[in-house]
Amino acid sequence: MRAASLAPLVLGAGLAACGPHAAPDHATPFFSALPLGAPPQLPVPAGNPVTAARVELGRRLFFDTRLSRDRTHSCGSCHRANLAFTDGRPTAVGTGGAVGRRNAPTLLNRAYGESMFWDGRVRTLEEQALLPMTSPLELANTHEEIERRLAASASYRRAFARAYGSEPITIERVAAAIASFERHHGFRRHALRPGPDSQGLRRARPAGAHGP
């Protein structure tokens, strides 16, 4: 399965808002200038709009080794931008040196994918983000432990409140934020140059760097 090659996605500023009626972070969408030849509309689930706050939260989660059982691996360990969002190995290597059965598929252009994983077992990036967290060959953690670790961080509690309008940290929100990052960032090797309403993304690193 190979995604069609597309030119890099150029993302403009988010919805401009000023004054006392400015939209909160969790309600401020991004608008995209899609590559020439791409479908006319970027597929985004109605329940998970791409916003600056969710993309930034997803970036942090994508590179955070707290998601793995022994805190050594992150999503970014197997999906490195300098290797086309793969790890360049014949088969992926997960937590504790576990060797996978397949290589890590690219995340490039996955926003347009109609099925995920090499065997197409799920249909959305949100579903895809959930499974590696508990796979013994990947992050080998539990959803409950991930929620507990993230909830212990005041910084993450604030980030989830910005992204979703309320503080509770659930595994569904974790997956949705990672999906937003992948949906937006999988088109580009380097971090977005954000508009004035996207301050949090100014700290975004080249995808492939490690650490939160």
Protein backbone atom coordinates (compact mmCIF):
# COMPACT_ATOMS: atom_id res chain seq x y z
CA MET A 1 0.00 0.00 0.00
CA ARG A 2 1.53 3.30 -1.05
CA ALA A 3 -0.07 6.67 -0.64
CA ALA A 4 0.00 8.84 -3.75
CA SER A 5 2.82 11.36 -3.69
CA LEU A 6 1.58 14.85 -3.01
CA ALA A 7 3.33 18.19 -2.84
CA PRO A 8 3.84 19.55 0.69
CA LEU A 9 0.77 20.90 2.36
CA VAL A 10 0.94 24.62 2.99
CA LEU A 11 -1.10 25.62 6.00
CA GLY A 12 -2.17 29.18 6.43
CA ALA A 13 -3.06 30.98 9.58
CA GLY A 14 -5.95 29.77 11.63
CA LEU A 15 -9.23 31.58 11.71
CA ALA A 16 -8.34 35.16 12.63
CA ALA A 17 -10.09 36.46 15.69
CA CYS A 18 -9.50 39.49 17.82
CA GLY A 19 -11.07 41.42 20.62
CA PRO A 20 -13.22 40.09 23.45
CA HIS A 21 -15.09 37.66 21.19
CA ALA A 22 -12.01 35.74 20.04
CA ALA A 23 -12.62 32.01 19.73
CA PRO A 24 -11.07 29.81 22.45
CA ASP A 25 -8.12 27.64 21.43
CA HIS A 26 -10.21 24.47 21.23
CA ALA A 27 -12.58 26.14 18.73
CA THR A 28 -10.04 27.85 16.46
CA PRO A 29 -9.63 25.85 13.21
CA PHE A 30 -6.83 25.77 10.71
CA PHE A 31 -7.54 26.42 7.07
CA SER A 32 -5.41 24.74 4.42
CA ALA A 33 -4.18 25.55 0.93
CA LEU A 34 -4.11 21.99 -0.39
CA PRO A 35 -1.46 20.78 -2.84
CA LEU A 36 -2.15 20.90 -6.56
CA GLY A 37 -3.79 17.62 -7.58
CA ALA A 38 -5.00 16.78 -4.07
CA PRO A 39 -8.68 16.05 -3.41
CA PRO A 40 -10.55 19.34 -2.97
CA GLN A 41 -11.17 18.84 0.74
CA LEU A 42 -8.98 17.43 3.50
CA PRO A 43 -10.95 14.64 5.21
CA VAL A 44 -11.39 15.57 8.87
CA PRO A 45 -13.85 13.85 11.23
CA ALA A 46 -16.61 16.17 12.44
CA GLY A 47 -15.84 15.20 16.03
CA ASN A 48 -12.12 16.05 15.80
CA PRO A 49 -11.55 19.34 13.98
CA VAL A 50 -7.93 20.28 13.35
CA THR A 51 -7.09 23.21 15.64
CA ALA A 52 -3.82 24.81 16.67
CA ALA A 53 -4.24 23.61 20.25
CA ARG A 54 -4.91 20.00 19.23
CA VAL A 55 -2.02 19.88 16.76
CA GLU A 56 0.37 21.22 19.39
CA LEU A 57 -0.91 18.78 22.01
CA GLY A 58 -0.64 15.94 19.50
CA ARG A 59 2.94 16.92 18.73
CA ARG A 60 3.87 16.70 22.40
CA LEU A 61 2.20 13.33 22.77
CA PHE A 62 3.70 11.97 19.55
CA PHE A 63 7.24 12.51 20.87
CA ASP A 64 6.57 11.72 24.54
CA THR A 65 8.21 8.51 25.78
CA ARG A 66 5.80 8.43 28.74
CA LEU A 67 3.39 6.69 26.39
CA SER A 68 5.56 3.55 26.43
CA ARG A 69 5.69 1.07 29.28
CA ASP A 70 9.37 1.66 30.15
CA ARG A 71 9.43 5.31 29.02
CA THR A 72 11.98 4.66 26.26
CA HIS A 73 9.87 4.85 23.09
CA SER A 74 7.42 7.26 21.53
CA CYS A 75 5.42 7.31 18.32
CA GLY A 76 8.30 9.34 16.88
CA SER A 77 10.74 6.51 17.54
CA CYS A 78 9.31 4.52 14.61
CA HIS A 79 8.07 7.44 12.50
CA ARG A 80 10.95 9.82 11.76
CA ALA A 81 10.48 12.66 9.30
CA ASN A 82 14.03 12.36 7.95
CA LEU A 83 13.14 8.78 6.96
CA ALA A 84 9.79 9.62 5.37
CA PHE A 85 8.04 9.07 8.71
CA THR A 86 9.35 5.50 9.01
CA ASP A 87 12.31 4.15 10.99
CA GLY A 88 14.19 2.78 7.97
CA ARG A 89 14.25 -0.77 9.36
CA PRO A 90 13.04 -3.98 7.68
CA THR A 91 10.87 -4.57 10.76
CA ALA A 92 10.02 -2.11 13.51
CA VAL A 93 11.64 -2.37 16.95
CA GLY A 94 9.48 -1.48 19.93
CA THR A 95 9.72 -1.20 23.69
CA GLY A 96 12.22 -3.57 25.29
CA GLY A 97 13.69 -4.45 21.89
CA ALA A 98 10.54 -6.27 20.74
CA VAL A 99 10.79 -6.92 17.00
CA GLY A 100 7.66 -6.38 14.99
CA ARG A 101 6.33 -8.47 12.13
CA ARG A 102 6.30 -5.60 9.59
CA ASN A 103 8.13 -2.36 8.95
CA ALA A 104 6.74 0.94 10.19
CA PRO A 105 4.54 2.42 7.44
CA THR A 106 4.97 6.04 6.46
CA LEU A 107 2.65 8.68 7.85
CA LEU A 108 3.02 10.89 4.77
CA ASN A 109 -0.36 11.83 3.28
CA ARG A 110 -2.17 9.55 5.71
CA ALA A 111 -4.80 12.26 6.09
CA TYR A 112 -6.20 10.91 2.82
CA GLY A 113 -5.94 7.25 3.80
CA GLU A 114 -9.08 5.11 3.76
CA SER A 115 -7.48 2.34 5.84
CA MET A 116 -4.59 2.23 8.29
CA PHE A 117 -1.77 -0.25 9.05
CA TRP A 118 -0.42 -2.55 6.36
CA ASP A 119 -3.40 -4.89 6.78
CA GLY A 120 -5.98 -2.09 6.74
CA ARG A 121 -7.48 -3.17 10.06
CA VAL A 122 -8.84 0.29 10.98
CA ARG A 123 -10.18 3.17 8.93
CA THR A 124 -9.22 6.36 10.81
CA LEU A 125 -6.12 7.97 12.27
CA GLU A 126 -7.95 8.21 15.59
CA GLU A 127 -8.40 4.42 15.70
CA GLN A 128 -4.85 3.88 14.48
CA ALA A 129 -3.34 6.02 17.24
CA LEU A 130 -4.89 3.86 19.96
CA LEU A 131 -3.50 0.46 19.00
CA PRO A 132 0.31 0.92 19.22
CA MET A 133 -0.03 2.14 22.82
CA THR A 134 -1.03 -1.33 24.01
CA SER A 135 0.67 -3.53 21.43
CA PRO A 136 3.38 -5.68 23.11
CA LEU A 137 5.51 -5.14 20.00
CA GLU A 138 5.25 -1.35 20.13
CA LEU A 139 4.69 0.86 23.20
CA ALA A 140 3.47 -2.08 25.34
CA ASN A 141 1.57 0.10 27.81
CA THR A 142 -2.04 0.25 28.99
CA HIS A 143 -4.51 3.00 28.27
CA GLU A 144 -5.17 3.42 31.99
CA GLU A 145 -1.47 3.90 32.79
CA ILE A 146 -1.07 6.46 30.02
CA GLU A 147 -4.04 8.43 31.35
CA ARG A 148 -2.58 8.28 34.87
CA ARG A 149 0.87 9.49 33.79
CA LEU A 150 -0.47 12.38 31.74
CA ALA A 151 -2.98 13.43 34.39
CA ALA A 152 -0.10 13.75 36.87
CA SER A 153 1.33 16.59 34.74
CA ALA A 154 -0.09 20.07 35.36
CA SER A 155 1.28 21.14 32.00
CA TYR A 156 -0.64 18.39 30.22
CA ARG A 157 -3.81 19.18 32.15
CA ARG A 158 -3.61 22.77 30.92
CA ALA A 159 -2.85 21.62 27.36
CA PHE A 160 -5.87 19.30 27.29
CA ALA A 161 -8.07 22.09 28.61
CA ARG A 162 -6.84 24.39 25.82
CA ALA A 163 -7.38 21.71 23.19
CA TYR A 164 -10.77 20.42 24.32
CA GLY A 165 -12.30 23.12 26.48
CA SER A 166 -12.11 21.01 29.64
CA GLU A 167 -9.34 19.34 31.59
CA PRO A 168 -10.13 15.59 31.82
CA ILE A 169 -7.50 13.45 30.12
CA THR A 170 -8.95 10.40 28.41
CA ILE A 171 -7.30 7.96 26.05
CA GLU A 172 -9.79 8.96 23.35
CA ARG A 173 -8.60 12.56 23.62
CA VAL A 174 -4.98 11.40 23.55
CA ALA A 175 -5.61 9.51 20.31
CA ALA A 176 -7.58 12.38 18.79
CA ALA A 177 -4.77 14.85 19.46
CA ILE A 178 -2.14 12.51 17.97
CA ALA A 179 -4.39 12.04 14.93
CA SER A 180 -4.68 15.81 14.53
CA PHE A 181 -0.90 16.13 14.56
CA GLU A 182 -0.51 13.30 12.04
CA ARG A 183 -3.27 14.67 9.83
CA HIS A 184 -1.65 18.08 9.73
CA HIS A 185 2.04 17.34 10.06
CA GLY A 186 2.38 14.27 7.86
CA PHE A 187 2.59 16.49 4.80
CA ARG A 188 5.72 18.32 5.86
CA ARG A 189 9.18 17.48 7.05
CA HIS A 190 9.51 20.58 9.16
CA ALA A 191 7.29 22.39 11.62
CA LEU A 192 4.51 24.65 10.51
CA ARG A 193 5.07 28.38 10.35
CA PRO A 194 1.89 29.32 12.22
CA GLY A 195 -0.34 32.33 12.05
CA PRO A 196 -0.78 34.80 14.91
CA ASP A 197 -3.44 32.68 16.61
CA SER A 198 -1.20 29.62 16.70
CA GLN A 199 1.39 30.69 19.27
CA GLY A 200 1.84 27.23 20.73
CA LEU A 201 3.08 25.83 17.43
CA ARG A 202 6.03 28.22 17.34
CA ARG A 203 7.80 25.70 19.56
CA ALA A 204 7.13 22.77 17.22
CA ARG A 205 10.25 20.81 16.37
CA PRO A 206 11.13 19.06 13.12
CA ALA A 207 9.10 15.86 13.17
CA GLY A 208 11.58 13.14 14.01
CA ALA A 209 13.13 14.87 17.00
CA HIS A 210 12.71 13.06 20.30
CA GLY A 211 11.24 14.20 23.58
CA PRO A 212 8.09 16.17 24.47
